[in-house]
């Protein structure tokens, strides 16, 4: 058994362009994905290009705190 807790954790990815536009009230909503990452191999925050249906294009999605 592993010591010190789970190595793989579930994280939430949020669209960065929707987050920026929400301050201007131009965006309809904020789209989020959930995924897993290995805490030992990737200690920094994860950023992936994913499709956002609100922006209707592929944008950068960054890891947020839950």
PDB file of N, CA and C in Angstrom:
ATOM      1  N   UNK A   1       0.826  -1.183   0.000  1.00  0.00           N
ATOM      2  CA  UNK A   1       0.000   0.000   0.000  1.00  0.00           C
ATOM      3  C   UNK A   1       0.874   1.252   0.000  1.00  0.00           C
ATOM      4  N   UNK A   2       0.349   2.298  -0.586  1.00  0.00           N
ATOM      5  CA  UNK A   2       1.079   3.554  -0.665  1.00  0.00           C
ATOM      6  C   UNK A   2       1.004   4.302   0.662  1.00  0.00           C
ATOM      7  N   UNK A   3       2.094   4.945   0.989  1.00  0.00           N
ATOM      8  CA  UNK A   3       2.129   5.742   2.213  1.00  0.00           C
ATOM      9  C   UNK A   3       1.920   7.210   1.867  1.00  0.00           C
ATOM     10  N   UNK A   4       1.308   7.946   2.762  1.00  0.00           N
ATOM     11  CA  UNK A   4       1.191   9.393   2.582  1.00  0.00           C
ATOM     12  C   UNK A   4       0.056   9.853   1.697  1.00  0.00           C
ATOM     13  N   UNK A   5      -0.947   9.034   1.483  1.00  0.00           N
ATOM     14  CA  UNK A   5      -2.104   9.491   0.709  1.00  0.00           C
ATOM     15  C   UNK A   5      -2.076   9.029  -0.729  1.00  0.00           C
ATOM     16  N   UNK A   6      -3.072   9.467  -1.470  1.00  0.00           N
ATOM     17  CA  UNK A   6      -3.208   9.072  -2.873  1.00  0.00           C
ATOM     18  C   UNK A   6      -2.211   9.814  -3.741  1.00  0.00           C
ATOM     19  N   UNK A   7      -1.646   9.091  -4.697  1.00  0.00           N
ATOM     20  CA  UNK A   7      -0.721   9.712  -5.638  1.00  0.00           C
ATOM     21  C   UNK A   7      -1.505  10.358  -6.771  1.00  0.00           C
ATOM     22  N   UNK A   8      -2.546   9.672  -7.253  1.00  0.00           N
ATOM     23  CA  UNK A   8      -3.377  10.228  -8.322  1.00  0.00           C
ATOM     24  C   UNK A   8      -4.542  10.991  -7.703  1.00  0.00           C
ATOM     25  N   UNK A   9      -4.692  12.240  -8.108  1.00  0.00           N
ATOM     26  CA  UNK A   9      -5.756  13.090  -7.576  1.00  0.00           C
ATOM     27  C   UNK A   9      -6.644  13.572  -8.716  1.00  0.00           C
ATOM     28  N   UNK A  10      -7.919  13.822  -8.407  1.00  0.00           N
ATOM     29  CA  UNK A  10      -8.854  14.364  -9.377  1.00  0.00           C
ATOM     30  C   UNK A  10      -8.761  15.885  -9.346  1.00  0.00           C
ATOM     31  N   UNK A  11      -8.604  16.477 -10.537  1.00  0.00           N
ATOM     32  CA  UNK A  11      -8.471  17.933 -10.636  1.00  0.00           C
ATOM     33  C   UNK A  11      -9.566  18.478 -11.542  1.00  0.00           C
ATOM     34  N   UNK A  12      -9.795  19.778 -11.465  1.00  0.00           N
ATOM     35  CA  UNK A  12     -10.784  20.458 -12.302  1.00  0.00           C
ATOM     36  C   UNK A  12     -10.066  21.451 -13.200  1.00  0.00           C
ATOM     37  N   UNK A  13     -10.373  21.399 -14.497  1.00  0.00           N
ATOM     38  CA  UNK A  13      -9.806  22.333 -15.469  1.00  0.00           C
ATOM     39  C   UNK A  13     -10.890  23.314 -15.888  1.00  0.00           C
ATOM     40  N   UNK A  14     -10.570  24.611 -15.863  1.00  0.00           N
ATOM     41  CA  UNK A  14     -11.533  25.653 -16.189  1.00  0.00           C
ATOM     42  C   UNK A  14     -11.034  26.470 -17.369  1.00  0.00           C
ATOM     43  N   UNK A  15     -11.942  26.858 -18.236  1.00  0.00           N
ATOM     44  CA  UNK A  15     -11.597  27.661 -19.416  1.00  0.00           C
ATOM     45  C   UNK A  15     -11.066  29.027 -18.978  1.00  0.00           C
ATOM     46  N   UNK A  16      -9.887  29.386 -19.453  1.00  0.00           N
ATOM     47  CA  UNK A  16      -9.282  30.650 -19.047  1.00  0.00           C
ATOM     48  C   UNK A  16      -9.876  31.833 -19.801  1.00  0.00           C
ATOM     49  N   UNK A  17     -10.303  31.653 -21.049  1.00  0.00           N
ATOM     50  CA  UNK A  17     -10.871  32.782 -21.785  1.00  0.00           C
ATOM     51  C   UNK A  17     -12.273  33.110 -21.295  1.00  0.00           C
ATOM     52  N   UNK A  18     -13.060  32.133 -20.871  1.00  0.00           N
ATOM     53  CA  UNK A  18     -14.384  32.407 -20.292  1.00  0.00           C
ATOM     54  C   UNK A  18     -14.236  33.100 -18.946  1.00  0.00           C
ATOM     55  N   UNK A  19     -13.216  32.733 -18.188  1.00  0.00           N
ATOM     56  CA  UNK A  19     -12.979  33.349 -16.890  1.00  0.00           C
ATOM     57  C   UNK A  19     -12.628  34.817 -17.058  1.00  0.00           C
ATOM     58  N   UNK A  20     -11.858  35.152 -18.085  1.00  0.00           N
ATOM     59  CA  UNK A  20     -11.493  36.544 -18.326  1.00  0.00           C
ATOM     60  C   UNK A  20     -12.688  37.353 -18.803  1.00  0.00           C
ATOM     61  N   UNK A  21     -13.537  36.768 -19.654  1.00  0.00           N
ATOM     62  CA  UNK A  21     -14.687  37.474 -20.200  1.00  0.00           C
ATOM     63  C   UNK A  21     -15.817  37.627 -19.195  1.00  0.00           C
ATOM     64  N   UNK A  22     -15.847  36.787 -18.148  1.00  0.00           N
ATOM     65  CA  UNK A  22     -16.952  36.858 -17.196  1.00  0.00           C
ATOM     66  C   UNK A  22     -16.926  38.163 -16.404  1.00  0.00           C
ATOM     67  N   UNK A  23     -15.759  38.812 -16.293  1.00  0.00           N
ATOM     68  CA  UNK A  23     -15.689  40.110 -15.618  1.00  0.00           C
ATOM     69  C   UNK A  23     -16.408  41.181 -16.440  1.00  0.00           C
ATOM     70  N   UNK A  24     -16.416  41.016 -17.775  1.00  0.00           N
ATOM     71  CA  UNK A  24     -17.099  41.968 -18.655  1.00  0.00           C
ATOM     72  C   UNK A  24     -18.560  41.597 -18.895  1.00  0.00           C
ATOM     73  N   UNK A  25     -19.001  40.463 -18.359  1.00  0.00           N
ATOM     74  CA  UNK A  25     -20.371  39.954 -18.507  1.00  0.00           C
ATOM     75  C   UNK A  25     -20.715  39.646 -19.957  1.00  0.00           C
ATOM     76  N   UNK A  26     -19.699  39.321 -20.776  1.00  0.00           N
ATOM     77  CA  UNK A  26     -19.938  38.966 -22.166  1.00  0.00           C
ATOM     78  C   UNK A  26     -20.189  37.473 -22.323  1.00  0.00           C
ATOM     79  N   UNK A  27     -19.674  36.664 -21.403  1.00  0.00           N
ATOM     80  CA  UNK A  27     -19.729  35.224 -21.528  1.00  0.00           C
ATOM     81  C   UNK A  27     -21.022  34.666 -20.931  1.00  0.00           C
ATOM     82  N   UNK A  28     -21.528  33.591 -21.538  1.00  0.00           N
ATOM     83  CA  UNK A  28     -22.735  32.943 -21.055  1.00  0.00           C
ATOM     84  C   UNK A  28     -22.439  32.127 -19.803  1.00  0.00           C
ATOM     85  N   UNK A  29     -21.308  31.434 -19.785  1.00  0.00           N
ATOM     86  CA  UNK A  29     -20.965  30.586 -18.652  1.00  0.00           C
ATOM     87  C   UNK A  29     -19.508  30.196 -18.672  1.00  0.00           C
ATOM     88  N   UNK A  30     -19.127  29.395 -17.694  1.00  0.00           N
ATOM     89  CA  UNK A  30     -17.757  28.899 -17.584  1.00  0.00           C
ATOM     90  C   UNK A  30     -17.807  27.390 -17.713  1.00  0.00           C
ATOM     91  N   UNK A  31     -17.009  26.840 -18.632  1.00  0.00           N
ATOM     92  CA  UNK A  31     -17.009  25.403 -18.858  1.00  0.00           C
ATOM     93  C   UNK A  31     -15.855  24.759 -18.111  1.00  0.00           C
ATOM     94  N   UNK A  32     -16.097  23.597 -17.502  1.00  0.00           N
ATOM     95  CA  UNK A  32     -15.082  22.900 -16.720  1.00  0.00           C
ATOM     96  C   UNK A  32     -14.998  21.440 -17.110  1.00  0.00           C
ATOM     97  N   UNK A  33     -13.772  20.902 -17.104  1.00  0.00           N
ATOM     98  CA  UNK A  33     -13.505  19.487 -17.300  1.00  0.00           C
ATOM     99  C   UNK A  33     -12.942  18.932 -16.000  1.00  0.00           C
ATOM    100  N   UNK A  34     -13.116  17.639 -15.771  1.00  0.00           N
ATOM    101  CA  UNK A  34     -12.450  16.968 -14.660  1.00  0.00           C
ATOM    102  C   UNK A  34     -11.549  15.889 -15.228  1.00  0.00           C
ATOM    103  N   UNK A  35     -10.384  15.708 -14.612  1.00  0.00           N
ATOM    104  CA  UNK A  35      -9.417  14.714 -15.037  1.00  0.00           C
ATOM    105  C   UNK A  35      -8.559  14.320 -13.837  1.00  0.00           C
ATOM    106  N   UNK A  36      -7.660  13.376 -14.044  1.00  0.00           N
ATOM    107  CA  UNK A  36      -6.758  12.932 -12.981  1.00  0.00           C
ATOM    108  C   UNK A  36      -5.326  13.270 -13.368  1.00  0.00           C
ATOM    109  N   UNK A  37      -4.504  13.469 -12.350  1.00  0.00           N
ATOM    110  CA  UNK A  37      -3.086  13.671 -12.609  1.00  0.00           C
ATOM    111  C   UNK A  37      -2.291  12.998 -11.505  1.00  0.00           C
ATOM    112  N   UNK A  38      -1.058  12.657 -11.819  1.00  0.00           N
ATOM    113  CA  UNK A  38      -0.153  12.065 -10.851  1.00  0.00           C
ATOM    114  C   UNK A  38       0.548  13.195 -10.105  1.00  0.00           C
ATOM    115  N   UNK A  39       0.363  13.237  -8.806  1.00  0.00           N
ATOM    116  CA  UNK A  39       0.897  14.344  -8.010  1.00  0.00           C
ATOM    117  C   UNK A  39       2.428  14.336  -7.974  1.00  0.00           C
ATOM    118  N   UNK A  40       3.044  13.166  -8.035  1.00  0.00           N
ATOM    119  CA  UNK A  40       4.516  13.094  -7.996  1.00  0.00           C
ATOM    120  C   UNK A  40       5.151  13.536  -9.313  1.00  0.00           C
ATOM    121  N   UNK A  41       4.574  13.134 -10.437  1.00  0.00           N
ATOM    122  CA  UNK A  41       5.159  13.461 -11.738  1.00  0.00           C
ATOM    123  C   UNK A  41       4.835  14.886 -12.189  1.00  0.00           C
ATOM    124  N   UNK A  42       3.691  15.421 -11.767  1.00  0.00           N
ATOM    125  CA  UNK A  42       3.260  16.752 -12.192  1.00  0.00           C
ATOM    126  C   UNK A  42       2.896  17.581 -10.965  1.00  0.00           C
ATOM    127  N   UNK A  43       3.877  18.125 -10.245  1.00  0.00           N
ATOM    128  CA  UNK A  43       3.549  18.899  -9.044  1.00  0.00           C
ATOM    129  C   UNK A  43       3.005  20.299  -9.349  1.00  0.00           C
ATOM    130  N   UNK A  44       3.284  20.834 -10.546  1.00  0.00           N
ATOM    131  CA  UNK A  44       2.804  22.175 -10.893  1.00  0.00           C
ATOM    132  C   UNK A  44       1.379  22.082 -11.438  1.00  0.00           C
ATOM    133  N   UNK A  45       0.738  23.237 -11.579  1.00  0.00           N
ATOM    134  CA  UNK A  45      -0.631  23.262 -12.095  1.00  0.00           C
ATOM    135  C   UNK A  45      -0.660  22.868 -13.573  1.00  0.00           C
ATOM    136  N   UNK A  46      -1.640  22.059 -13.927  1.00  0.00           N
ATOM    137  CA  UNK A  46      -1.766  21.520 -15.270  1.00  0.00           C
ATOM    138  C   UNK A  46      -2.549  22.494 -16.151  1.00  0.00           C
ATOM    139  N   UNK A  47      -2.121  22.649 -17.413  1.00  0.00           N
ATOM    140  CA  UNK A  47      -2.826  23.459 -18.396  1.00  0.00           C
ATOM    141  C   UNK A  47      -2.912  22.675 -19.696  1.00  0.00           C
ATOM    142  N   UNK A  48      -4.121  22.473 -20.206  1.00  0.00           N
ATOM    143  CA  UNK A  48      -4.346  21.723 -21.430  1.00  0.00           C
ATOM    144  C   UNK A  48      -5.247  22.512 -22.362  1.00  0.00           C
ATOM    145  N   UNK A  49      -5.095  22.280 -23.671  1.00  0.00           N
ATOM    146  CA  UNK A  49      -6.002  22.881 -24.649  1.00  0.00           C
ATOM    147  C   UNK A  49      -7.186  21.932 -24.804  1.00  0.00           C
ATOM    148  N   UNK A  50      -8.383  22.449 -24.514  1.00  0.00           N
ATOM    149  CA  UNK A  50      -9.611  21.679 -24.607  1.00  0.00           C
ATOM    150  C   UNK A  50     -10.649  22.510 -25.351  1.00  0.00           C
ATOM    151  N   UNK A  51     -11.719  21.855 -25.793  1.00  0.00           N
ATOM    152  CA  UNK A  51     -12.784  22.550 -26.504  1.00  0.00           C
ATOM    153  C   UNK A  51     -13.763  23.149 -25.502  1.00  0.00           C
ATOM    154  N   UNK A  52     -14.101  24.416 -25.687  1.00  0.00           N
ATOM    155  CA  UNK A  52     -15.075  25.111 -24.844  1.00  0.00           C
ATOM    156  C   UNK A  52     -16.311  25.404 -25.691  1.00  0.00           C
ATOM    157  N   UNK A  53     -17.474  24.840 -25.332  1.00  0.00           N
ATOM    158  CA  UNK A  53     -18.672  25.092 -26.132  1.00  0.00           C
ATOM    159  C   UNK A  53     -19.196  26.520 -26.020  1.00  0.00           C
ATOM    160  N   UNK A  54     -18.851  27.248 -24.968  1.00  0.00           N
ATOM    161  CA  UNK A  54     -19.285  28.638 -24.839  1.00  0.00           C
ATOM    162  C   UNK A  54     -18.471  29.556 -25.757  1.00  0.00           C
ATOM    163  N   UNK A  55     -17.160  29.316 -25.835  1.00  0.00           N
ATOM    164  CA  UNK A  55     -16.311  30.094 -26.754  1.00  0.00           C
ATOM    165  C   UNK A  55     -16.404  29.544 -28.170  1.00  0.00           C
ATOM    166  N   UNK A  56     -16.817  28.280 -28.295  1.00  0.00           N
ATOM    167  CA  UNK A  56     -16.915  27.534 -29.544  1.00  0.00           C
ATOM    168  C   UNK A  56     -15.569  27.441 -30.258  1.00  0.00           C
ATOM    169  N   UNK A  57     -14.508  27.192 -29.472  1.00  0.00           N
ATOM    170  CA  UNK A  57     -13.182  26.964 -30.031  1.00  0.00           C
ATOM    171  C   UNK A  57     -12.315  26.272 -28.987  1.00  0.00           C
ATOM    172  N   UNK A  58     -11.146  25.817 -29.406  1.00  0.00           N
ATOM    173  CA  UNK A  58     -10.196  25.202 -28.483  1.00  0.00           C
ATOM    174  C   UNK A  58      -9.450  26.307 -27.740  1.00  0.00           C
ATOM    175  N   UNK A  59      -9.519  26.268 -26.416  1.00  0.00           N
ATOM    176  CA  UNK A  59      -8.873  27.279 -25.592  1.00  0.00           C
ATOM    177  C   UNK A  59      -8.058  26.604 -24.504  1.00  0.00           C
ATOM    178  N   UNK A  60      -7.245  27.375 -23.829  1.00  0.00           N
ATOM    179  CA  UNK A  60      -6.423  26.872 -22.744  1.00  0.00           C
ATOM    180  C   UNK A  60      -7.276  26.717 -21.489  1.00  0.00           C
ATOM    181  N   UNK A  61      -7.245  25.527 -20.896  1.00  0.00           N
ATOM    182  CA  UNK A  61      -7.959  25.242 -19.656  1.00  0.00           C
ATOM    183  C   UNK A  61      -6.909  25.019 -18.565  1.00  0.00           C
ATOM    184  N   UNK A  62      -7.029  25.755 -17.466  1.00  0.00           N
ATOM    185  CA  UNK A  62      -6.067  25.661 -16.376  1.00  0.00           C
ATOM    186  C   UNK A  62      -6.673  25.004 -15.148  1.00  0.00           C
ATOM    187  N   UNK A  63      -5.810  24.415 -14.341  1.00  0.00           N
ATOM    188  CA  UNK A  63      -6.235  23.751 -13.117  1.00  0.00           C
ATOM    189  C   UNK A  63      -6.661  24.794 -12.076  1.00  0.00           C
ATOM    190  N   UNK A  64      -7.785  24.519 -11.390  1.00  0.00           N
ATOM    191  CA  UNK A  64      -8.261  25.420 -10.342  1.00  0.00           C
ATOM    192  C   UNK A  64      -8.340  24.658  -9.029  1.00  0.00           C
ATOM    193  N   UNK A  65      -8.413  25.404  -7.929  1.00  0.00           N
ATOM    194  CA  UNK A  65      -8.595  24.778  -6.614  1.00  0.00           C
ATOM    195  C   UNK A  65     -10.038  24.366  -6.452  1.00  0.00           C
ATOM    196  N   UNK A  66     -10.254  23.258  -5.743  1.00  0.00           N
ATOM    197  CA  UNK A  66     -11.613  22.802  -5.484  1.00  0.00           C
ATOM    198  C   UNK A  66     -11.981  23.002  -4.067  1.00  0.00           C
TER     199      UNK A  66
END
